[in-house]
Amino acid sequence: MIDLRSDTVTKPTDAMRAAMASAEVGDDVYGEDPTVNRLQDRAAEVFEKEAALFVPSGCMANQIAIKVHTDLGDEVVIEDRGHIYLHEMGSASVISGVLLRPIRSRDRSGHLEWSEIEPALHIDHDYHGSATGLICLENSHNMAGGTVMSAHHCKDLCDRAHAHNIPIHLDGARIFNAAVALDTTVAELTRHCDSIQFCLSKGLGAPVGSMLVGSRGFIDQARAWRKRLGGGMRQAGILAAAGLIALEESPKRLHEDHANARRLAEGLAEIDGVSIDPKSVVTNIVIFDVSATGRTPAAICEDLKQQDILALGWDSVIRVVTHNGNSTEDIDYVINALVKSSSL
């Protein structure tokens, strides 16, 4: 089965499995797991921040960040296709008691400009509207097709937000993909953000876990909220061992996923009824419109499944995500299968 539903379906490498089997462990709730501590220290070092925290999932990391940064009744500004807004089950309202204010990016890149954010801010405390407590960014942007935000763009937003004493949290689930695409470092891309979440279990290929990165004071508070939310794991070094390999080794091969995504996009662009601009594909996410084929995404995805290919569709589009489980031969097979399916 060629599984292109997400890069979350990646399997741990042999090196990860070996590291997990031999991991030195302790009780992480007591702060005594040496492998978890090494992972947290290394993540902080890579991002050039003071501290980091290992958590079970990216959703938990994002929700902890929102909780630490905001007060009850605050608003959180976010792009209207942000993962935190669309795919985290309203957790910001349930856990933090905040209101998400979605803003549509005019160019549909997923990356807001300050001119789009500023009119949505509530900073005058007039006791009628909710105060803006946080701005959330996403890099790369999942639902915009893996688009990336430059370091300059991020710095501009952070500088302007900080001038109003508003913190910025970055959902950087695939920040390493963005760094590879922009030929820079994750530290440079995130330097001015107050907190960053990134996933070990997507393109980096670890079986479980995400990291939350920020100041030492922020992480101290985050650790308490991780425990409150049930994320205090015990001998978690077994998982962190795979995370360390993912952090050190996996970014070196992400360019292969990007090349496969571009190869797929170029093949799709040649299919009648399929709409996609291959130049817009810069990381490992490919979203293409199939409405002109006269077939629904659900029907096409079902055809693909019969040919041992898994993909996700909604509205008029299909999304595929390349990862370390795909070869160039897989991509060519998928293109041929889509040619057949789109013409049925």
Protein backbone atom coordinates (compact mmCIF):
# COMPACT_ATOMS: atom_id res chain seq x y z
CA MET A 1 0.00 0.00 0.00
CA ILE A 2 1.31 3.46 -0.96
CA ASP A 3 0.01 5.60 1.87
CA LEU A 4 -0.06 9.31 0.98
CA ARG A 5 -2.68 10.41 3.49
CA SER A 6 -0.09 12.09 5.69
CA ASP A 7 3.53 11.95 6.79
CA THR A 8 2.18 10.80 10.16
CA VAL A 9 2.07 7.28 8.71
CA THR A 10 5.87 7.05 8.62
CA LYS A 11 7.44 4.04 10.32
CA PRO A 12 10.47 4.29 12.62
CA THR A 13 13.77 3.45 10.99
CA ASP A 14 15.91 0.50 12.02
CA ALA A 15 18.23 2.92 13.81
CA MET A 16 15.30 4.33 15.76
CA ARG A 17 14.09 0.87 16.75
CA ALA A 18 17.58 -0.09 17.94
CA ALA A 19 17.90 3.12 19.94
CA MET A 20 14.50 2.53 21.53
CA ALA A 21 15.46 -1.00 22.53
CA SER A 22 18.62 0.14 24.30
CA ALA A 23 17.43 3.50 25.64
CA GLU A 24 18.53 4.57 29.10
CA VAL A 25 15.38 5.54 30.98
CA GLY A 26 14.08 7.00 34.23
CA ASP A 27 10.90 8.62 35.52
CA ASP A 28 10.38 11.71 33.40
CA VAL A 29 7.65 13.16 35.64
CA TYR A 30 10.43 13.46 38.23
CA GLY A 31 12.71 14.86 35.53
CA GLU A 32 14.92 11.77 35.81
CA ASP A 33 14.78 10.27 32.32
CA PRO A 34 18.24 10.95 30.86
CA THR A 35 17.20 10.29 27.26
CA VAL A 36 14.24 12.66 27.47
CA ASN A 37 16.51 15.27 29.04
CA ARG A 38 19.02 14.90 26.21
CA LEU A 39 16.27 15.29 23.62
CA GLN A 40 14.92 18.41 25.32
CA ASP A 41 18.38 19.95 25.67
CA ARG A 42 19.22 19.18 22.05
CA ALA A 43 15.94 20.62 20.75
CA ALA A 44 16.54 23.84 22.69
CA GLU A 45 20.06 23.99 21.27
CA VAL A 46 18.93 23.44 17.67
CA PHE A 47 16.31 26.20 17.96
CA GLU A 48 18.64 28.45 19.99
CA LYS A 49 16.07 28.78 22.77
CA GLU A 50 16.44 28.34 26.52
CA ALA A 51 14.44 25.17 27.03
CA ALA A 52 12.22 22.53 25.45
CA LEU A 53 9.60 20.01 26.54
CA PHE A 54 8.80 16.56 25.10
CA VAL A 55 5.04 16.01 24.76
CA PRO A 56 2.93 13.18 23.33
CA SER A 57 1.49 15.14 20.38
CA GLY A 58 1.58 18.37 18.42
CA CYS A 59 -2.00 19.13 19.39
CA MET A 60 -1.09 18.94 23.07
CA ALA A 61 1.94 21.17 22.53
CA ASN A 62 -0.14 23.79 20.70
CA GLN A 63 -2.83 23.75 23.38
CA ILE A 64 -0.31 24.04 26.19
CA ALA A 65 1.23 27.05 24.46
CA ILE A 66 -2.15 28.74 24.11
CA LYS A 67 -2.92 28.08 27.78
CA VAL A 68 0.36 29.51 29.03
CA HIS A 69 0.25 32.60 26.80
CA THR A 70 -3.38 33.64 27.33
CA ASP A 71 -5.95 34.57 29.96
CA LEU A 72 -9.58 33.44 30.10
CA GLY A 73 -11.69 35.32 27.57
CA ASP A 74 -8.79 36.36 25.32
CA GLU A 75 -8.89 36.17 21.55
CA VAL A 76 -6.28 34.30 19.53
CA VAL A 77 -5.69 35.52 15.97
CA ILE A 78 -5.02 32.76 13.44
CA GLU A 79 -5.20 32.20 9.67
CA ASP A 80 -8.54 30.67 8.76
CA ARG A 81 -7.08 27.33 7.64
CA GLY A 82 -4.67 26.98 10.55
CA HIS A 83 -4.43 23.52 12.08
CA ILE A 84 -5.15 24.89 15.56
CA TYR A 85 -8.42 26.35 14.25
CA LEU A 86 -9.59 23.56 11.94
CA HIS A 87 -8.24 20.33 13.34
CA GLU A 88 -7.85 20.50 17.11
CA MET A 89 -11.50 19.97 18.10
CA GLY A 90 -12.10 23.41 19.61
CA SER A 91 -9.59 22.61 22.33
CA ALA A 92 -8.54 26.24 22.77
CA SER A 93 -12.07 27.03 23.95
CA VAL A 94 -12.36 23.94 26.12
CA ILE A 95 -8.94 24.10 27.77
CA SER A 96 -8.00 27.78 27.74
CA GLY A 97 -11.38 29.51 27.57
CA VAL A 98 -10.29 31.62 24.62
CA LEU A 99 -11.91 32.58 21.33
CA LEU A 100 -10.13 31.87 18.05
CA ARG A 101 -10.45 34.73 15.54
CA PRO A 102 -9.78 33.32 12.05
CA ILE A 103 -8.44 35.71 9.40
CA ARG A 104 -8.45 34.90 5.69
CA SER A 105 -5.09 35.43 3.99
CA ARG A 106 -5.78 37.46 0.86
CA ASP A 107 -3.23 35.63 -1.26
CA ARG A 108 -4.34 32.25 0.18
CA SER A 109 -0.75 31.44 1.02
CA GLY A 110 -1.75 30.71 4.61
CA HIS A 111 0.70 33.33 5.85
CA LEU A 112 -0.94 36.51 7.10
CA GLU A 113 0.47 39.99 6.55
CA TRP A 114 0.40 42.54 9.35
CA SER A 115 -2.08 44.60 7.33
CA GLU A 116 -4.46 41.63 7.63
CA ILE A 117 -3.81 41.02 11.32
CA GLU A 118 -3.90 44.59 12.63
CA PRO A 119 -7.61 45.31 11.95
CA ALA A 120 -8.54 42.21 13.98
CA LEU A 121 -6.61 43.21 17.09
CA HIS A 122 -8.41 44.23 20.27
CA ILE A 123 -5.79 46.12 22.22
CA ASP A 124 -7.68 49.11 23.63
CA HIS A 125 -9.34 47.16 26.48
CA ASP A 126 -12.70 48.89 26.11
CA TYR A 127 -14.51 46.12 28.06
CA HIS A 128 -16.72 45.28 25.10
CA GLY A 129 -14.49 43.04 22.97
CA SER A 130 -12.16 40.25 23.99
CA ALA A 131 -8.54 41.37 24.28
CA THR A 132 -6.09 39.87 21.79
CA GLY A 133 -3.88 37.59 23.85
CA LEU A 134 -1.93 35.69 21.20
CA ILE A 135 -1.21 35.37 17.49
CA CYS A 136 -0.66 31.86 16.07
CA LEU A 137 1.32 31.27 12.87
CA GLU A 138 1.95 28.03 10.96
CA ASN A 139 5.09 27.10 8.99
CA SER A 140 4.92 25.17 6.75
CA HIS A 141 1.19 25.68 6.26
CA ASN A 142 -0.60 22.37 5.91
CA MET A 143 -3.93 23.33 4.33
CA ALA A 144 -2.37 25.90 2.03
CA GLY A 145 -0.34 23.13 0.43
CA GLY A 146 2.87 23.17 2.44
CA THR A 147 3.66 26.83 1.75
CA VAL A 148 6.52 28.39 3.72
CA MET A 149 7.06 31.66 5.58
CA SER A 150 10.43 33.38 5.35
CA ALA A 151 12.46 34.42 8.39
CA HIS A 152 12.02 38.07 7.38
CA HIS A 153 8.24 37.75 7.20
CA CYS A 154 8.09 36.03 10.59
CA LYS A 155 10.36 38.63 12.20
CA ASP A 156 8.20 41.44 10.87
CA LEU A 157 5.06 39.94 12.40
CA CYS A 158 6.79 39.23 15.70
CA ASP A 159 8.26 42.73 15.96
CA ARG A 160 4.90 44.35 15.30
CA ALA A 161 3.05 42.03 17.69
CA HIS A 162 5.60 42.53 20.44
CA ALA A 163 5.20 46.29 20.10
CA HIS A 164 1.66 45.67 21.39
CA ASN A 165 2.85 43.16 24.02
CA ILE A 166 1.21 40.30 22.11
CA PRO A 167 3.15 37.01 22.04
CA ILE A 168 3.43 34.79 18.96
CA HIS A 169 3.23 31.01 18.96
CA LEU A 170 4.38 29.10 15.89
CA ASP A 171 2.77 25.82 14.97
CA GLY A 172 5.89 24.49 13.32
CA ALA A 173 4.75 20.90 12.96
CA ARG A 174 6.75 20.77 9.70
CA ILE A 175 9.21 23.60 10.38
CA PHE A 176 12.14 21.43 9.25
CA ASN A 177 10.46 21.04 5.85
CA ALA A 178 10.20 24.83 5.68
CA ALA A 179 13.87 25.25 6.61
CA VAL A 180 14.98 22.79 3.92
CA ALA A 181 12.81 24.49 1.31
CA LEU A 182 14.20 27.92 2.20
CA ASP A 183 17.80 26.67 2.64
CA THR A 184 18.08 28.07 6.15
CA THR A 185 17.94 26.86 9.75
CA VAL A 186 14.96 26.32 12.00
CA ALA A 187 16.58 28.69 14.49
CA GLU A 188 16.63 31.48 11.92
CA LEU A 189 13.02 30.87 10.89
CA THR A 190 11.76 30.92 14.48
CA ARG A 191 14.19 33.28 16.21
CA HIS A 192 11.62 35.91 17.20
CA CYS A 193 8.70 33.63 18.12
CA ASP A 194 7.82 33.29 21.78
CA SER A 195 7.13 29.57 21.48
CA ILE A 196 7.39 26.89 18.82
CA GLN A 197 5.84 23.45 18.45
CA PHE A 198 7.38 20.95 16.08
CA CYS A 199 6.55 17.32 15.38
CA LEU A 200 8.99 14.44 15.57
CA SER A 201 6.35 12.06 14.23
CA LYS A 202 5.66 13.57 10.80
CA GLY A 203 8.36 14.00 8.16
CA LEU A 204 11.09 13.34 10.74
CA GLY A 205 9.74 9.81 11.09
CA ALA A 206 9.70 9.15 14.84
CA PRO A 207 6.82 6.99 16.07
CA VAL A 208 5.51 9.38 18.74
CA GLY A 209 5.98 12.87 20.05
CA SER A 210 6.38 16.58 19.53
CA MET A 211 8.50 19.27 21.13
CA LEU A 212 7.52 22.62 22.64
CA VAL A 213 10.33 25.17 22.65
CA GLY A 214 10.65 28.58 24.32
CA SER A 215 12.04 30.47 27.28
CA ARG A 216 12.85 28.64 30.50
CA GLY A 217 9.99 30.36 32.32
CA PHE A 218 7.56 29.42 29.56
CA ILE A 219 8.66 25.78 29.59
CA ASP A 220 8.39 25.61 33.40
CA GLN A 221 4.73 26.59 33.09
CA ALA A 222 4.27 24.28 30.11
CA ARG A 223 5.56 21.33 32.12
CA ALA A 224 2.86 21.87 34.73
CA TRP A 225 0.16 22.04 32.06
CA ARG A 226 1.50 18.91 30.38
CA LYS A 227 0.90 17.09 33.68
CA ARG A 228 -2.58 18.59 34.09
CA LEU A 229 -3.52 17.43 30.59
CA GLY A 230 -2.35 13.89 31.24
CA GLY A 231 0.87 14.20 29.27
CA GLY A 232 3.25 13.30 32.07
CA MET A 233 4.91 10.15 30.75
CA ARG A 234 7.16 7.95 32.89
CA GLN A 235 9.98 5.97 31.20
CA ALA A 236 9.49 8.04 28.05
CA GLY A 237 13.14 7.72 27.07
CA ILE A 238 12.12 4.73 24.94
CA LEU A 239 10.22 7.22 22.76
CA ALA A 240 12.70 10.06 23.12
CA ALA A 241 15.49 7.82 21.81
CA ALA A 242 13.73 7.65 18.45
CA GLY A 243 13.07 11.39 18.68
CA LEU A 244 16.77 12.13 19.06
CA ILE A 245 17.58 10.26 15.85
CA ALA A 246 14.69 11.97 14.10
CA LEU A 247 15.97 15.36 15.19
CA GLU A 248 19.58 14.72 14.18
CA GLU A 249 19.29 12.59 11.05
CA SER A 250 15.90 13.01 9.38
CA PRO A 251 16.21 16.65 8.25
CA LYS A 252 19.08 15.55 5.99
CA ARG A 253 16.70 13.61 3.74
CA LEU A 254 13.62 15.87 3.63
CA HIS A 255 14.73 17.22 0.25
CA GLU A 256 13.90 13.78 -1.16
CA ASP A 257 10.29 14.13 -0.02
CA HIS A 258 10.13 17.58 -1.58
CA ALA A 259 11.51 16.27 -4.87
CA ASN A 260 8.91 13.50 -4.90
CA ALA A 261 6.13 16.00 -4.19
CA ARG A 262 7.28 18.21 -7.07
CA ARG A 263 7.56 15.17 -9.36
CA LEU A 264 4.01 14.24 -8.46
CA ALA A 265 2.73 17.80 -8.98
CA GLU A 266 4.35 18.00 -12.42
CA GLY A 267 2.72 14.71 -13.41
CA LEU A 268 -0.67 15.85 -12.10
CA ALA A 269 -0.46 19.08 -14.09
CA GLU A 270 -0.49 17.01 -17.29
CA ILE A 271 -3.76 15.25 -16.45
CA ASP A 272 -6.95 16.58 -18.04
CA GLY A 273 -9.31 18.01 -15.47
CA VAL A 274 -6.69 18.30 -12.71
CA SER A 275 -5.71 21.80 -11.58
CA ILE A 276 -2.40 22.45 -9.85
CA ASP A 277 0.57 24.79 -10.23
CA PRO A 278 3.70 22.64 -9.74
CA LYS A 279 5.73 25.74 -8.89
CA SER A 280 3.61 26.21 -5.79
CA VAL A 281 4.78 22.87 -4.38
CA VAL A 282 7.87 23.62 -2.33
CA THR A 283 7.68 21.06 0.50
CA ASN A 284 6.03 17.65 0.82
CA ILE A 285 2.32 18.54 0.54
CA VAL A 286 0.42 18.47 -2.75
CA ILE A 287 -3.20 19.68 -2.93
CA PHE A 288 -4.91 19.53 -6.33
CA ASP A 289 -8.37 20.34 -7.62
CA VAL A 290 -10.24 17.59 -9.48
CA SER A 291 -13.59 19.32 -10.06
CA ALA A 292 -13.01 19.61 -13.83
CA THR A 293 -12.72 15.83 -14.11
CA GLY A 294 -16.44 15.56 -13.38
CA ARG A 295 -15.65 13.15 -10.54
CA THR A 296 -15.69 13.71 -6.78
CA PRO A 297 -12.56 13.47 -4.65
CA ALA A 298 -14.22 10.64 -2.73
CA ALA A 299 -14.76 8.63 -5.92
CA ILE A 300 -11.21 9.17 -7.11
CA CYS A 301 -9.77 8.28 -3.70
CA GLU A 302 -11.82 5.08 -3.71
CA ASP A 303 -10.44 4.21 -7.15
CA LEU A 304 -6.93 4.84 -5.86
CA LYS A 305 -7.56 2.61 -2.86
CA GLN A 306 -8.45 -0.23 -5.21
CA GLN A 307 -4.99 0.30 -6.72
CA ASP A 308 -3.29 0.17 -3.29
CA ILE A 309 -2.97 3.96 -2.90
CA LEU A 310 -4.35 5.95 0.02
CA ALA A 311 -5.10 9.68 -0.25
CA LEU A 312 -7.47 12.18 1.38
CA GLY A 313 -10.11 14.24 -0.43
CA TRP A 314 -12.65 16.90 0.53
CA ASP A 315 -14.70 19.57 -1.24
CA SER A 316 -13.17 19.61 -4.73
CA VAL A 317 -9.57 18.74 -3.81
CA ILE A 318 -7.32 15.83 -2.95
CA ARG A 319 -4.28 16.07 -0.69
CA VAL A 320 -1.26 13.82 -0.80
CA VAL A 321 1.79 14.05 1.47
CA THR A 322 5.13 12.50 0.58
CA HIS A 323 7.42 10.99 3.21
CA ASN A 324 10.24 8.52 3.78
CA GLY A 325 8.01 5.58 2.91
CA ASN A 326 7.74 6.67 -0.74
CA SER A 327 10.07 6.03 -3.66
CA THR A 328 10.20 7.74 -7.05
CA GLU A 329 8.74 4.53 -8.49
CA ASP A 330 5.80 4.90 -6.10
CA ILE A 331 5.22 8.44 -7.33
CA ASP A 332 5.21 7.37 -10.97
CA TYR A 333 2.75 4.58 -10.14
CA VAL A 334 0.46 7.10 -8.40
CA ILE A 335 0.55 9.44 -11.42
CA ASN A 336 -0.45 6.62 -13.74
CA ALA A 337 -3.23 5.56 -11.38
CA LEU A 338 -4.58 9.11 -11.27
CA VAL A 339 -4.54 9.31 -15.05
CA LYS A 340 -6.80 6.23 -15.14
CA SER A 341 -9.03 7.37 -12.31
CA SER A 342 -9.60 10.93 -13.55
CA SER A 343 -10.79 9.69 -16.94
CA LEU A 344 -13.32 7.10 -15.75
